[in-house]
Structure formats: C-alpha cells, structure tokens
Amino acid sequence: MKKLIPVVFGFLLVLSPMALAQTDIEPGLFTPDQALYGLEVAGDNIAMSLRIRDPGDVAHKRASEAFVMGDEGNAEAYDRAMDNLETVTNRADERHQEGLDKAEQVLGQVDVPGEAERGIDEALGRIGDARERGPEDVGNRNGMP
C-alpha cells in the first residue's frame, strides 16, 4: 500500500496540468441546431443590455456551443454559434476577463476542418480586442448603451 501512494501522487502530478489546461464546455440550454436557440440568444442579449449577464460568461457559453457543434460536425449550427460569439465579444470589455479567458480556452479546444480555422483565429482576435477595450469604448458599439 505504501508503494502505491507515490505512484498515485506521481500520476496526479502528471495529469494536473492537463486538467488545468482545459476549460469546461458549458453550452446553453439550447444549442444552435435547436429551434429555441434564437430565444435563448435573445434572452442573453436582453440580460446583457440590462447588465444582469456578464458578456464574458455569455462569450464562454457561445464558444462552448461552437465547440459542441464543431464536435458534432454540424457546420451550419457551428457558424451560427460563431456569429453569436462575435456579437457578444463586441459587447465585452476589460471587465469581463474571466469569461473571455474561458471562451478563449474553449476555442483552443475546437477541432474544425482547416478552412474553419480562420474563423477560430478571428474569434480569438476579437476576444483579445475585448480584453483591451475599456468600458467607455463599448457604449458606442452595436447600439449598446
């Protein structure tokens, strides 16, 4: 038994960095391939406008939805999630770091065909832009107050 403890401890040390490197995939209640997805997106948009939802958290949700749709090979629904992610990142700023970080990590896990890599790169660029944007810069974007 005593010999087993160092082996288990070593195993945990090896796996810990891998677990930390991955972020939970947390899509919304409805995914882009479902009929009620638009209703969920509208609800999130209203909640962000009322400042009761953090745009960074919504970005993480949209990135997770893109991950799920990419994993299922559903290109149309993947594009829909990526379009909604773009809208959300335009509303985010430096105050939303945690959610933006999670969204970035999820996008890093998305396995898409080569032609879709450009979309991932563009989304990562928008997340970087949001991190650098101050709250005063968001008010004039996409009709946001």
Foldseek 3Di string as FASTA:
>chain_A
DVVVVVVVVVVCVVCVVVVVLAFDQAADPDALVDPCVVVVLVVQVVCVLVPNDALLQVLSRLLSSLQVCLVVVPVVSNVVSLVSSLVSLLQAALVNVVSLVNSLSSLVVRDHPPVCVVSSVVSNVSSVVRNHDDNVRSCVPPPRD
